[in-house]
């Protein structure tokens, strides 16, 4: 059974959030935050529009430089220059710093920092969902569906309601 995000409506498997906290799609801290109703990793915990990934601009589906309007940039921990692309086509990123950062991970070259930036080649028109703000647009129905799904997946729905969801 899935539990939907109260901010954006993204479904998540209930086991990794309720019973096996930290063993599913989210870390333990993320699962607690999700159950508190603050959002999920998809909407960056209620901060970013899921249609434009927080960039505020609509993606061009024909763009060959990005993934649905955003690029993942990376750098070795301690370095200042961000890069994007994959070998042998790695390029320096000279735009703004990433607006969202992932947890650093270890590879053969050391620890790597990852972040998301908007594609500079295809992002021209404002996002029709957030009107160019890049912020998540929510409605009461999404929050209610998320609350109902959390109660349905729980053995103790009263505790879900008392948590302030």
Foldseek 3Di string as FASTA:
>chain_A
DWFAQLQQRHTFDVCCQPPVPCPGPDHNVQSVLRLLRQGHVQCPRQFFANQQQLQQFAFDPVDPPDDRFKFKWKDAPPDDWIWGDDPPDIDTDPDDDAPAWDDWDQDPVGTMIIGMDGDPPGGDHGDPQVNRRRGGDGDNVSNVSNLVRNLVSDPCSVVSVVSND
